Amino acid sequence: MSFSEKLRTEKLLSFTLVVLTLCVGILIGTLISVDWGVRAAKGSQAAPGATPLTIPNPVELSTAFSQIAKEVEPSVVHITVKYLPKAPAQTRNRRRAIPAPGDEGNGDGDSGNGFEQFFQFFGNPFGGGPEMPGAQGGEALGSGVVVDRAGYILTNNHVVDKADSIKVKFTGDPASYDAKVIGVDDQTDLAVIRVEGKTNVVAAKIGNSDAVQVGDWAVAIGSPFDFQNTVTAGIISATGRDIPDGGSTQYQHFLQTDAAINPGNSGGPLLNIRGELIGINTAIASTTRGYQGIGFALPINTAAGVYNQIIKNGKVTRGSIGINYSPDDNATRANLQIAGVSDGVFISSVEAGGPAEKAGIKDGDVIVSINGKPVKDGNDLVSVVVATPIGTTVDLGVVRDGKHSDYKVAVGDITQVFAERFGNGSVQPGGVKPEATAAKFGMQIQQLTDQKRQSLGIKQSGGVVIESVEPNSFAEEIGLVPGDVIFSINRQPVNSVTDVERVETTLRGGQPVSFRVLRKTGPNGEWAPVYPAGVLPNSVQ
């Protein structure tokens, strides 16, 4: 082999070796890179072995309660009431619930004891309220339910009692609407208010509370603790529940439920599984003033009767036959046994001049039937009598000295039969308090009823009486005082609260206003005319 051939061979071998070395290096580098990359990927995973979650397609589950919420929430309203500051001497008497914890009023009233601490009409946890607004005034809250597309709303009387202003909010509507009281019934703690300026109002479907049974589903909707549109569900725990020593009246027989009811639910609806209104949430039994599974709603059948009277007459009139009966106790059961009956109403006294006395019924008699239907206890008797139109005759089956007799008794007006108890100026027929209306002058006024006029010794017809005057108001500035009876404003006759409201619409700030009122003056309290007058401040519109 020549030198040149030997040199070419060596160069080829060297080139081949270099190429082989490069190939081996590339291969080794690739393997190392892959190995470390895998190790790095494994090392960066936060949860080794975890599998990503996958969201399934939406599937409707049980729709019963959600459907109720969708259908009824537009009919449930949030109510806010305000109370203007009152001078201590002018602070108005308000209905004291037993005791008043705070959903619709936070007061400093008596704490009560025994079962009175257990049974709660609501009060407002946010301060102020109808139970005891105090000198500083305040704000309170509650719920209500629309029952008529014309804007009429059922709520509790203790929610709106004596409020200076009422505001209503609807679901999905940020606006607040003014509302006014149409009428109230203290005996059932119900009020009818009407919202103004709201269109497309949706009314709840009315159910029949007589069909409600223990164990039925129950749904409550309201604004507990100011959380609007809160929906809770439970069952009916009892029907026809009376609250012994709990502040309830003989006209209140409640549906009991364990659906959560809290301060702020007052006046809101209790519904059945079909979304029908079966009750108005009114009270709870609690040792903590909050939900403990025992809530009470006034049955809608009772509420509807009250509502129908209020929208027709502006008040509730109840019938009476003029008797007082004994409670269900050992003495009464013994008297029934002596009379030879197991059930009935033992008459402890008969009101002089009342329907029962005129019909010949006496104390010691036992009423065992009314209109042919058995009477087990006082509730059976009262429920029929109060639902009977005044002047209508009822047939009473009576046992006296072991003998059964029938009597026809004409039902009378309770305010006339028991005039001393129900017929005074502070209570209207059926125990309904006269409605106080706020006037823009800074005072609360009431209609002067014929009975009140007679008791005051006022012969002139018409007029409205001033219940209270707000401190630092126009009314106080010109010298109007509680007890004054207004007969004219700017020479326009005042015969009703409506007349005052009509005159108010014509007045603006800066205009002169003159009142003609009767006021008790002199040492003997004679009524004399006075003429307070002044110029409305520009802030009064």
Protein backbone atom coordinates (compact mmCIF):
# COMPACT_ATOMS: atom_id res chain seq x y z
CA MET A 1 0.00 0.00 0.00
CA SER A 2 1.39 3.32 -1.05
CA PHE A 3 1.80 6.13 1.41
CA SER A 4 -1.05 8.09 -0.12
CA GLU A 5 -3.42 5.15 0.08
CA LYS A 6 -2.44 4.52 3.69
CA LEU A 7 -3.12 8.18 4.50
CA ARG A 8 -6.59 8.07 2.92
CA THR A 9 -7.43 4.93 4.83
CA GLU A 10 -6.44 6.50 8.16
CA LYS A 11 -8.48 9.65 7.39
CA LEU A 12 -11.52 7.52 6.55
CA LEU A 13 -11.17 5.55 9.76
CA SER A 14 -10.78 8.78 11.74
CA PHE A 15 -13.86 10.33 10.11
CA THR A 16 -15.83 7.17 10.70
CA LEU A 17 -14.80 7.16 14.37
CA VAL A 18 -15.78 10.80 14.77
CA VAL A 19 -19.18 10.21 13.19
CA LEU A 20 -19.74 7.14 15.34
CA THR A 21 -18.75 9.09 18.46
CA LEU A 22 -21.21 11.88 17.58
CA CYS A 23 -24.01 9.42 17.00
CA VAL A 24 -23.39 7.70 20.31
CA GLY A 25 -23.35 11.09 22.06
CA ILE A 26 -26.58 12.20 20.49
CA LEU A 27 -28.23 8.90 21.46
CA ILE A 28 -27.04 9.11 25.05
CA GLY A 29 -28.12 12.77 25.31
CA THR A 30 -31.58 11.97 24.04
CA LEU A 31 -32.06 9.15 26.52
CA ILE A 32 -30.89 11.31 29.41
CA SER A 33 -33.20 14.16 28.34
CA VAL A 34 -36.25 11.93 28.14
CA ASP A 35 -35.54 10.36 31.51
CA TRP A 36 -35.09 13.67 33.32
CA GLY A 37 -38.11 15.19 31.57
CA VAL A 38 -40.32 12.40 32.83
CA ARG A 39 -38.89 12.77 36.30
CA ALA A 40 -39.46 16.53 36.21
CA ALA A 41 -43.09 16.11 35.06
CA LYS A 42 -43.76 13.60 37.78
CA GLY A 43 -42.17 15.81 40.36
CA SER A 44 -44.34 18.89 39.43
CA GLN A 45 -47.78 17.20 39.98
CA ALA A 46 -49.42 18.58 43.23
CA ALA A 47 -51.70 15.58 43.85
CA PRO A 48 -50.17 12.35 42.44
CA GLY A 49 -52.81 9.89 41.31
CA ALA A 50 -55.66 12.49 41.31
CA THR A 51 -58.23 12.49 38.52
CA PRO A 52 -59.72 15.79 37.24
CA LEU A 53 -63.39 16.38 38.11
CA THR A 54 -66.00 16.49 35.39
CA ILE A 55 -69.22 18.56 35.72
CA PRO A 56 -72.26 16.56 34.53
CA ASN A 57 -75.04 18.03 32.46
CA PRO A 58 -77.78 19.74 34.56
CA VAL A 59 -80.54 17.35 35.59
CA GLU A 60 -83.73 18.48 37.44
CA LEU A 61 -84.25 16.72 40.73
CA SER A 62 -87.38 17.16 42.91
CA THR A 63 -89.09 20.35 41.72
CA ALA A 64 -91.98 20.62 44.21
CA PHE A 65 -90.45 23.20 46.54
CA SER A 66 -88.57 25.09 43.84
CA GLN A 67 -91.78 25.39 41.86
CA ILE A 68 -93.61 26.77 44.90
CA ALA A 69 -90.86 29.34 45.40
CA LYS A 70 -90.99 30.45 41.76
CA GLU A 71 -94.77 30.79 41.78
CA VAL A 72 -95.28 32.45 45.16
CA GLU A 73 -92.22 34.67 45.68
CA PRO A 74 -93.66 37.42 43.43
CA SER A 75 -96.63 37.61 45.83
CA VAL A 76 -94.53 37.86 49.02
CA VAL A 77 -93.52 41.35 50.07
CA HIS A 78 -90.93 42.80 52.41
CA ILE A 79 -92.44 45.44 54.72
CA THR A 80 -90.49 48.22 56.42
CA VAL A 81 -92.25 50.57 58.81
CA LYS A 82 -90.93 53.73 60.43
CA TYR A 83 -91.83 55.51 63.65
CA LEU A 84 -91.10 59.18 64.11
CA PRO A 85 -89.57 60.36 67.40
CA LYS A 86 -92.14 60.97 70.10
CA ALA A 87 -92.01 63.16 73.17
CA PRO A 88 -92.24 60.97 76.28
CA ALA A 89 -95.67 62.33 77.20
CA GLN A 90 -96.93 61.76 73.67
CA THR A 91 -95.59 58.25 73.11
CA ARG A 92 -98.56 56.20 72.04
CA ASN A 93 -99.87 53.12 73.72
CA ARG A 94 -99.19 50.11 71.56
CA ARG A 95 -100.39 46.55 71.64
CA ARG A 96 -98.01 44.60 73.83
CA ALA A 97 -97.32 41.17 72.51
CA ILE A 98 -96.32 38.54 75.02
CA PRO A 99 -93.53 39.57 75.27
CA ALA A 100 -92.26 41.64 72.32
CA PRO A 101 -88.87 40.28 71.29
CA GLY A 102 -88.02 42.31 68.39
CA ASP A 103 -89.30 41.36 64.25
CA GLU A 104 -91.38 44.06 64.12
CA GLY A 105 -90.34 45.94 67.24
CA ASN A 106 -87.52 46.00 69.73
CA GLY A 107 -88.80 47.32 73.01
CA ASP A 108 -87.98 47.59 76.65
CA GLY A 109 -91.27 46.18 77.83
CA ASP A 110 -91.97 43.70 80.58
CA SER A 111 -89.97 40.53 80.29
CA GLY A 112 -92.85 38.38 81.44
CA ASN A 113 -92.44 35.01 83.08
CA GLY A 114 -93.45 31.40 82.72
CA PHE A 115 -95.09 30.56 79.42
CA GLU A 116 -95.27 34.27 78.51
CA GLN A 117 -91.51 34.15 77.95
CA PHE A 118 -92.00 31.10 75.76
CA PHE A 119 -94.73 32.31 73.41
CA GLN A 120 -93.54 35.09 71.13
CA PHE A 121 -95.25 37.54 68.90
CA PHE A 122 -92.31 38.87 66.94
CA GLY A 123 -90.42 42.09 67.51
CA ASN A 124 -87.68 43.75 65.46
CA PRO A 125 -84.02 42.83 66.09
CA PHE A 126 -82.90 45.93 64.20
CA GLY A 127 -84.36 48.52 66.59
CA GLY A 128 -87.58 50.46 66.94
CA GLY A 129 -90.89 48.90 66.16
CA PRO A 130 -94.58 48.84 66.78
CA GLU A 131 -94.41 47.35 70.22
CA MET A 132 -92.52 50.25 71.79
CA PRO A 133 -90.89 52.77 69.44
CA GLY A 134 -89.72 55.03 72.23
CA ALA A 135 -88.80 58.69 72.15
CA GLN A 136 -86.17 58.17 69.45
CA GLY A 137 -88.52 56.51 67.00
CA GLY A 138 -87.18 53.67 64.92
CA GLU A 139 -87.63 51.25 62.07
CA ALA A 140 -89.14 47.77 61.95
CA LEU A 141 -89.62 45.01 59.43
CA GLY A 142 -91.96 42.22 58.54
CA SER A 143 -93.53 40.33 55.66
CA GLY A 144 -96.84 40.25 53.85
CA VAL A 145 -98.61 38.42 51.04
CA VAL A 146 -100.56 39.89 48.15
CA VAL A 147 -104.09 38.46 48.03
CA ASP A 148 -105.63 40.75 45.41
CA ARG A 149 -104.18 42.04 42.13
CA ALA A 150 -105.51 45.49 43.05
CA GLY A 151 -102.59 45.68 45.49
CA TYR A 152 -104.23 44.49 48.71
CA ILE A 153 -101.89 42.71 51.12
CA LEU A 154 -102.49 40.62 54.24
CA THR A 155 -100.01 40.96 57.09
CA ASN A 156 -100.00 41.01 60.89
CA ASN A 157 -101.43 43.94 62.79
CA HIS A 158 -98.34 43.99 65.00
CA VAL A 159 -96.20 44.56 61.89
CA VAL A 160 -97.87 47.86 60.94
CA ASP A 161 -99.55 48.90 64.20
CA LYS A 162 -99.43 52.71 64.53
CA ALA A 163 -96.62 53.06 61.99
CA ASP A 164 -95.90 56.56 60.69
CA SER A 165 -94.92 55.22 57.27
CA ILE A 166 -95.08 51.85 55.53
CA LYS A 167 -92.84 50.83 52.63
CA VAL A 168 -93.26 47.64 50.59
CA LYS A 169 -90.71 45.90 48.35
CA PHE A 170 -91.44 43.18 45.80
CA THR A 171 -89.22 40.36 44.57
CA GLY A 172 -86.92 41.48 41.76
CA ASP A 173 -88.00 45.11 42.04
CA PRO A 174 -85.47 47.46 43.69
CA ALA A 175 -88.09 50.17 44.25
CA SER A 176 -89.95 50.70 47.52
CA TYR A 177 -93.64 51.52 47.35
CA ASP A 178 -95.81 53.42 49.82
CA ALA A 179 -98.63 51.49 51.45
CA LYS A 180 -101.54 52.53 53.63
CA VAL A 181 -103.58 50.64 56.19
CA ILE A 182 -107.09 49.76 55.04
CA GLY A 183 -108.14 48.16 58.31
CA VAL A 184 -106.93 46.05 61.21
CA ASP A 185 -108.30 43.45 63.58
CA ASP A 186 -106.52 43.27 66.89
CA GLN A 187 -108.37 40.13 67.95
CA THR A 188 -106.75 38.05 65.20
CA ASP A 189 -103.63 40.23 64.82
CA LEU A 190 -104.38 40.82 61.15
CA ALA A 191 -104.08 43.93 58.99
CA VAL A 192 -105.00 44.74 55.42
CA ILE A 193 -102.75 47.23 53.65
CA ARG A 194 -102.72 48.46 50.07
CA VAL A 195 -99.63 49.26 48.04
CA GLU A 196 -99.68 52.34 45.83
CA GLY A 197 -97.94 52.87 42.49
CA LYS A 198 -97.10 49.23 41.71
CA THR A 199 -98.35 47.60 38.52
CA ASN A 200 -98.49 43.94 37.50
CA VAL A 201 -99.09 42.78 41.06
CA VAL A 202 -99.33 38.99 41.44
CA ALA A 203 -101.78 37.56 43.99
CA ALA A 204 -101.17 34.29 45.83
CA LYS A 205 -103.56 31.38 45.36
CA ILE A 206 -105.91 30.93 48.32
CA GLY A 207 -106.17 27.47 49.86
CA ASN A 208 -108.58 25.94 52.39
CA SER A 209 -107.04 25.57 55.83
CA ASP A 210 -109.84 23.23 56.93
CA ALA A 211 -108.29 20.62 54.63
CA VAL A 212 -104.90 20.81 56.35
CA GLN A 213 -103.86 17.70 58.26
CA VAL A 214 -101.06 16.95 60.68
CA GLY A 215 -98.07 15.72 58.69
CA ASP A 216 -98.81 17.75 55.56
CA TRP A 217 -95.91 19.61 53.97
CA ALA A 218 -95.72 23.31 54.83
CA VAL A 219 -93.60 26.04 53.22
CA ALA A 220 -92.94 29.49 54.73
CA ILE A 221 -91.64 32.47 52.75
CA GLY A 222 -90.66 35.82 54.19
CA SER A 223 -87.86 38.16 55.25
CA PRO A 224 -86.40 36.79 58.51
CA PHE A 225 -83.71 39.09 59.88
CA ASP A 226 -84.13 41.21 56.72
CA PHE A 227 -83.09 38.38 54.38
CA GLN A 228 -85.76 38.83 51.73
CA ASN A 229 -87.33 35.82 49.95
CA THR A 230 -86.15 33.22 52.44
CA VAL A 231 -87.90 29.89 51.82
CA THR A 232 -88.17 27.23 54.54
CA ALA A 233 -90.05 23.94 54.62
CA GLY A 234 -91.42 21.60 57.24
CA ILE A 235 -94.65 19.87 58.14
CA ILE A 236 -97.88 20.77 59.89
CA SER A 237 -97.30 19.78 63.50
CA ALA A 238 -100.81 20.50 64.80
CA THR A 239 -104.07 22.16 63.79
CA GLY A 240 -106.48 24.21 65.87
CA ARG A 241 -103.74 24.94 68.37
CA ASP A 242 -104.66 27.27 71.23
CA ILE A 243 -101.93 29.03 73.19
CA PRO A 244 -102.65 28.87 76.93
CA ASP A 245 -101.69 32.12 78.68
CA GLY A 246 -99.78 33.11 75.53
CA GLY A 247 -101.57 36.31 74.62
CA SER A 248 -103.80 34.73 71.99
CA THR A 249 -107.53 35.43 71.86
CA GLN A 250 -110.60 33.24 71.54
CA TYR A 251 -110.57 33.99 67.81
CA GLN A 252 -107.03 32.64 67.31
CA HIS A 253 -106.67 28.91 66.74
CA PHE A 254 -103.38 28.32 65.01
CA LEU A 255 -101.76 25.95 62.58
CA GLN A 256 -98.51 24.79 64.18
CA THR A 257 -95.51 24.06 61.94
CA ASP A 258 -91.82 23.23 62.21
CA ALA A 259 -90.98 25.18 59.04
CA ALA A 260 -88.38 27.68 60.22
CA ILE A 261 -90.04 30.96 61.24
CA ASN A 262 -87.95 33.78 62.67
CA PRO A 263 -88.25 37.51 63.40
CA GLY A 264 -89.13 39.12 60.08
CA ASN A 265 -91.41 36.27 58.94
CA SER A 266 -94.43 37.85 60.62
CA GLY A 267 -97.25 38.45 58.18
CA GLY A 268 -95.74 36.21 55.52
CA PRO A 269 -97.47 33.20 53.97
CA LEU A 270 -97.59 29.58 55.07
CA LEU A 271 -98.25 27.41 52.00
CA ASN A 272 -99.24 23.85 51.25
CA ILE A 273 -97.42 21.62 48.77
CA ARG A 274 -99.57 23.01 45.96
CA GLY A 275 -98.38 26.52 46.67
CA GLU A 276 -101.74 27.61 48.08
CA LEU A 277 -101.95 30.06 50.97
CA ILE A 278 -103.12 28.22 54.09
CA GLY A 279 -101.98 30.58 56.85
CA ILE A 280 -100.42 33.87 57.92
CA ASN A 281 -97.26 33.37 60.00
CA THR A 282 -97.82 35.12 63.31
CA ALA A 283 -95.83 33.80 66.25
CA ILE A 284 -93.31 31.30 67.58
CA ALA A 285 -92.73 29.43 70.79
CA SER A 286 -89.11 29.84 71.79
CA THR A 287 -86.83 30.21 74.78
CA THR A 288 -84.24 31.99 72.63
CA ARG A 289 -86.53 34.36 70.67
CA GLY A 290 -85.47 32.49 67.54
CA TYR A 291 -86.43 29.34 65.65
CA GLN A 292 -86.86 26.22 67.76
CA GLY A 293 -89.22 24.30 65.54
CA ILE A 294 -92.53 25.61 66.88
CA GLY A 295 -94.20 28.27 64.75
CA PHE A 296 -97.81 29.39 64.55
CA ALA A 297 -99.83 30.62 61.58
CA LEU A 298 -103.38 31.94 61.62
CA PRO A 299 -105.45 29.72 59.28
CA ILE A 300 -106.38 31.39 55.99
CA ASN A 301 -110.06 30.55 56.49
CA THR A 302 -110.04 32.81 59.55
CA ALA A 303 -107.91 35.42 57.83
CA ALA A 304 -110.17 35.47 54.77
CA GLY A 305 -113.23 36.19 56.91
CA VAL A 306 -111.46 39.12 58.53
CA TYR A 307 -110.16 40.36 55.17
CA ASN A 308 -113.59 40.25 53.57
CA GLN A 309 -115.13 42.33 56.34
CA ILE A 310 -112.33 44.90 56.26
CA ILE A 311 -112.46 45.49 52.51
CA LYS A 312 -116.26 45.79 52.70
CA ASN A 313 -116.72 47.83 55.87
CA GLY A 314 -113.22 48.97 56.87
CA LYS A 315 -113.64 47.13 60.16
CA VAL A 316 -114.62 43.80 61.67
CA THR A 317 -117.96 43.35 63.39
CA ARG A 318 -118.48 40.24 65.49
CA GLY A 319 -121.65 38.72 66.78
CA SER A 320 -122.51 37.83 70.35
CA ILE A 321 -125.38 36.15 72.15
CA GLY A 322 -124.52 37.81 75.47
CA ILE A 323 -123.14 35.03 77.63
CA ASN A 324 -119.96 34.32 79.55
CA TYR A 325 -118.90 30.69 79.77
CA SER A 326 -116.53 28.81 82.02
CA PRO A 327 -113.17 27.48 80.82
CA ASP A 328 -112.51 23.79 80.37
CA ASP A 329 -111.39 22.91 83.89
CA ASN A 330 -112.30 20.44 86.61
CA ALA A 331 -115.15 22.60 87.94
CA THR A 332 -116.71 22.91 84.50
CA ARG A 333 -116.42 19.19 83.84
CA ALA A 334 -118.10 18.54 87.18
CA ASN A 335 -120.96 20.92 86.28
CA LEU A 336 -121.38 19.20 82.92
CA GLN A 337 -121.52 15.84 84.66
CA ILE A 338 -124.17 17.15 87.05
CA ALA A 339 -126.16 18.37 84.04
CA GLY A 340 -125.93 14.87 82.61
CA VAL A 341 -123.81 15.74 79.54
CA SER A 342 -120.21 15.04 78.61
CA ASP A 343 -119.70 18.02 76.27
CA GLY A 344 -121.07 21.52 75.99
CA VAL A 345 -120.68 25.12 77.12
CA PHE A 346 -121.46 25.83 80.76
CA ILE A 347 -122.89 29.38 81.06
CA SER A 348 -121.38 31.18 84.04
CA SER A 349 -123.34 34.42 83.52
CA VAL A 350 -125.81 36.04 81.14
CA GLU A 351 -125.41 39.69 80.12
CA ALA A 352 -128.35 41.78 81.30
CA GLY A 353 -130.50 42.87 78.39
CA GLY A 354 -128.53 40.73 75.95
CA PRO A 355 -129.91 38.35 73.31
CA ALA A 356 -129.57 35.24 75.49
CA GLU A 357 -131.41 36.80 78.44
CA LYS A 358 -134.19 38.04 76.14
CA ALA A 359 -134.55 34.51 74.79
CA GLY A 360 -134.91 33.07 78.30
CA ILE A 361 -131.48 31.50 78.75
CA LYS A 362 -130.06 31.59 82.29
CA ASP A 363 -126.72 31.16 83.99
CA GLY A 364 -126.04 27.55 84.85
CA ASP A 365 -127.53 26.36 81.55
CA VAL A 366 -125.43 24.19 79.25
CA ILE A 367 -125.43 24.84 75.49
CA VAL A 368 -125.06 21.49 73.72
CA SER A 369 -125.88 22.41 70.12
CA ILE A 370 -126.19 25.34 67.73
CA ASN A 371 -128.23 25.16 64.54
CA GLY A 372 -128.49 21.43 65.03
CA LYS A 373 -124.73 20.83 65.26
CA PRO A 374 -123.19 19.50 68.50
CA VAL A 375 -121.22 21.97 70.62
CA LYS A 376 -118.24 20.34 72.27
CA ASP A 377 -116.67 23.45 73.79
CA GLY A 378 -116.58 27.24 73.62
CA ASN A 379 -114.64 27.28 70.35
CA ASP A 380 -117.44 25.42 68.59
CA LEU A 381 -119.97 27.95 69.85
CA VAL A 382 -117.91 31.09 69.19
CA SER A 383 -116.90 30.08 65.66
CA VAL A 384 -120.55 29.89 64.61
CA VAL A 385 -121.79 32.97 66.48
CA VAL A 386 -119.08 35.35 65.24
CA ALA A 387 -119.66 34.18 61.65
CA THR A 388 -123.41 34.78 61.88
CA PRO A 389 -124.67 38.13 60.52
CA ILE A 390 -125.96 40.53 63.14
CA GLY A 391 -129.71 40.14 63.65
CA THR A 392 -129.79 36.57 62.38
CA THR A 393 -131.45 33.98 64.62
CA VAL A 394 -129.57 30.87 65.76
CA ASP A 395 -131.12 27.77 67.28
CA LEU A 396 -129.55 26.74 70.57
CA GLY A 397 -129.98 23.36 72.22
CA VAL A 398 -129.83 23.90 76.00
CA VAL A 399 -129.80 21.51 78.94
CA ARG A 400 -131.24 22.81 82.24
CA ASP A 401 -131.78 20.62 85.27
CA GLY A 402 -131.30 17.56 83.12
CA LYS A 403 -133.95 18.60 80.59
CA HIS A 404 -133.28 19.54 76.98
CA SER A 405 -134.92 22.69 75.52
CA ASP A 406 -134.53 24.67 72.30
CA TYR A 407 -134.18 28.45 72.17
CA LYS A 408 -134.08 30.92 69.28
CA VAL A 409 -131.57 33.71 69.92
CA ALA A 410 -130.99 36.73 67.69
CA VAL A 411 -127.26 37.43 67.38
CA GLY A 412 -126.31 40.93 68.51
CA ASP A 413 -123.33 43.21 67.89
CA ILE A 414 -120.69 42.46 70.49
CA THR A 415 -119.91 46.17 70.90
CA GLN A 416 -123.51 46.75 71.96
CA VAL A 417 -124.04 43.56 73.93
CA PHE A 418 -120.82 44.09 75.91
CA ALA A 419 -120.60 47.87 75.60
CA GLU A 420 -118.33 48.35 78.61
CA ARG A 421 -115.83 45.79 77.34
CA PHE A 422 -115.86 46.38 73.59
CA GLY A 423 -117.83 49.55 72.98
CA ASN A 424 -115.59 52.27 74.43
CA GLY A 425 -114.00 54.90 72.25
CA SER A 426 -110.65 53.11 72.05
CA VAL A 427 -112.03 49.97 70.44
CA GLN A 428 -114.17 49.60 67.34
CA PRO A 429 -116.60 46.73 66.68
CA GLY A 430 -115.05 43.32 67.10
CA GLY A 431 -112.14 44.70 69.07
CA VAL A 432 -110.74 46.61 66.08
CA LYS A 433 -108.70 49.63 67.04
CA PRO A 434 -109.55 52.85 65.20
CA GLU A 435 -107.08 53.45 62.43
CA ALA A 436 -104.71 56.35 63.11
CA THR A 437 -103.63 58.23 60.02
CA ALA A 438 -100.51 60.33 59.68
CA ALA A 439 -101.16 63.90 58.48
CA LYS A 440 -98.45 65.89 56.71
CA PHE A 441 -98.79 68.61 59.36
CA GLY A 442 -96.96 66.30 61.82
CA MET A 443 -99.75 64.63 63.72
CA GLN A 444 -101.79 61.45 63.93
CA ILE A 445 -105.57 61.76 63.52
CA GLN A 446 -108.53 59.44 63.97
CA GLN A 447 -112.13 59.44 62.85
CA LEU A 448 -114.46 60.82 65.54
CA THR A 449 -117.09 58.11 65.88
CA ASP A 450 -120.60 58.83 67.10
CA GLN A 451 -119.92 56.80 70.21
CA LYS A 452 -116.71 58.71 70.93
CA ARG A 453 -118.46 62.02 70.25
CA GLN A 454 -121.20 61.11 72.71
CA SER A 455 -118.71 60.07 75.39
CA LEU A 456 -116.85 63.39 74.97
CA GLY A 457 -120.03 65.42 75.13
CA ILE A 458 -119.59 66.94 71.65
CA LYS A 459 -122.88 67.74 69.90
CA GLN A 460 -121.47 68.95 66.56
CA SER A 461 -121.32 66.30 63.85
CA GLY A 462 -118.23 65.44 61.83
CA GLY A 463 -114.65 66.14 62.89
CA VAL A 464 -111.45 64.20 63.46
CA VAL A 465 -109.59 63.93 66.73
CA ILE A 466 -105.84 64.46 67.09
CA GLU A 467 -104.27 61.40 68.70
CA SER A 468 -100.69 62.68 68.89
CA VAL A 469 -98.52 65.58 67.72
CA GLU A 470 -94.94 65.09 66.56
CA PRO A 471 -92.24 67.14 68.33
CA ASN A 472 -90.88 70.09 66.34
CA SER A 473 -93.62 69.67 63.72
CA PHE A 474 -95.82 72.31 62.10
CA ALA A 475 -98.76 71.12 64.20
CA GLU A 476 -96.79 71.62 67.41
CA GLU A 477 -95.51 75.00 66.23
CA ILE A 478 -99.01 76.44 65.76
CA GLY A 479 -100.25 74.99 69.04
CA LEU A 480 -102.30 71.92 68.10
CA VAL A 481 -102.38 69.37 70.93
CA PRO A 482 -103.60 65.77 71.37
CA GLY A 483 -107.33 65.71 72.07
CA ASP A 484 -108.15 68.66 69.79
CA VAL A 485 -111.07 67.95 67.46
CA ILE A 486 -110.61 69.45 63.97
CA PHE A 487 -113.77 70.62 62.21
CA SER A 488 -112.32 72.66 59.35
CA ILE A 489 -109.05 73.46 57.56
CA ASN A 490 -108.88 76.73 55.61
CA ARG A 491 -112.66 76.96 56.04
CA GLN A 492 -113.19 73.61 54.32
CA PRO A 493 -115.34 71.28 56.47
CA VAL A 494 -113.65 68.21 57.93
CA ASN A 495 -116.01 65.31 58.52
CA SER A 496 -113.55 62.46 58.08
CA VAL A 497 -109.89 61.52 57.76
CA THR A 498 -110.44 61.46 54.01
CA ASP A 499 -111.38 65.16 54.11
CA VAL A 500 -108.05 65.97 55.77
CA GLU A 501 -106.17 63.98 53.13
CA ARG A 502 -108.09 65.79 50.38
CA VAL A 503 -107.22 69.22 51.79
CA GLU A 504 -103.58 68.19 52.17
CA THR A 505 -103.28 67.50 48.45
CA THR A 506 -104.07 71.17 47.72
CA LEU A 507 -101.42 72.60 50.07
CA ARG A 508 -97.78 73.38 49.39
CA GLY A 509 -94.93 74.78 51.42
CA GLY A 510 -95.21 78.54 52.03
CA GLN A 511 -99.04 78.55 52.08
CA PRO A 512 -101.04 79.74 55.12
CA VAL A 513 -103.15 77.14 56.92
CA SER A 514 -105.88 77.80 59.47
CA PHE A 515 -107.68 75.24 61.62
CA ARG A 516 -110.97 75.44 63.48
CA VAL A 517 -110.87 73.05 66.40
CA LEU A 518 -112.74 72.36 69.61
CA ARG A 519 -110.56 72.13 72.70
CA LYS A 520 -111.33 71.47 76.33
CA THR A 521 -110.62 74.67 78.23
CA GLY A 522 -111.44 76.13 81.62
CA PRO A 523 -111.60 74.54 85.05
CA ASN A 524 -114.63 72.42 84.21
CA GLY A 525 -113.27 71.14 80.89
CA GLU A 526 -115.73 72.97 78.67
CA TRP A 527 -115.31 72.64 74.91
CA ALA A 528 -114.46 75.92 73.19
CA PRO A 529 -113.44 76.79 69.63
CA VAL A 530 -109.83 77.82 68.91
CA TYR A 531 -108.20 78.80 65.62
CA PRO A 532 -104.54 77.70 65.35
CA ALA A 533 -102.90 78.99 62.15
CA GLY A 534 -99.50 79.36 60.50
CA VAL A 535 -97.54 79.18 57.27
CA LEU A 536 -96.45 75.74 56.09
CA PRO A 537 -92.66 75.47 55.93
CA ASN A 538 -91.18 74.88 52.49
CA SER A 539 -90.07 71.43 53.59
CA VAL A 540 -93.72 70.36 53.78
CA GLN A 541 -94.85 69.31 50.30
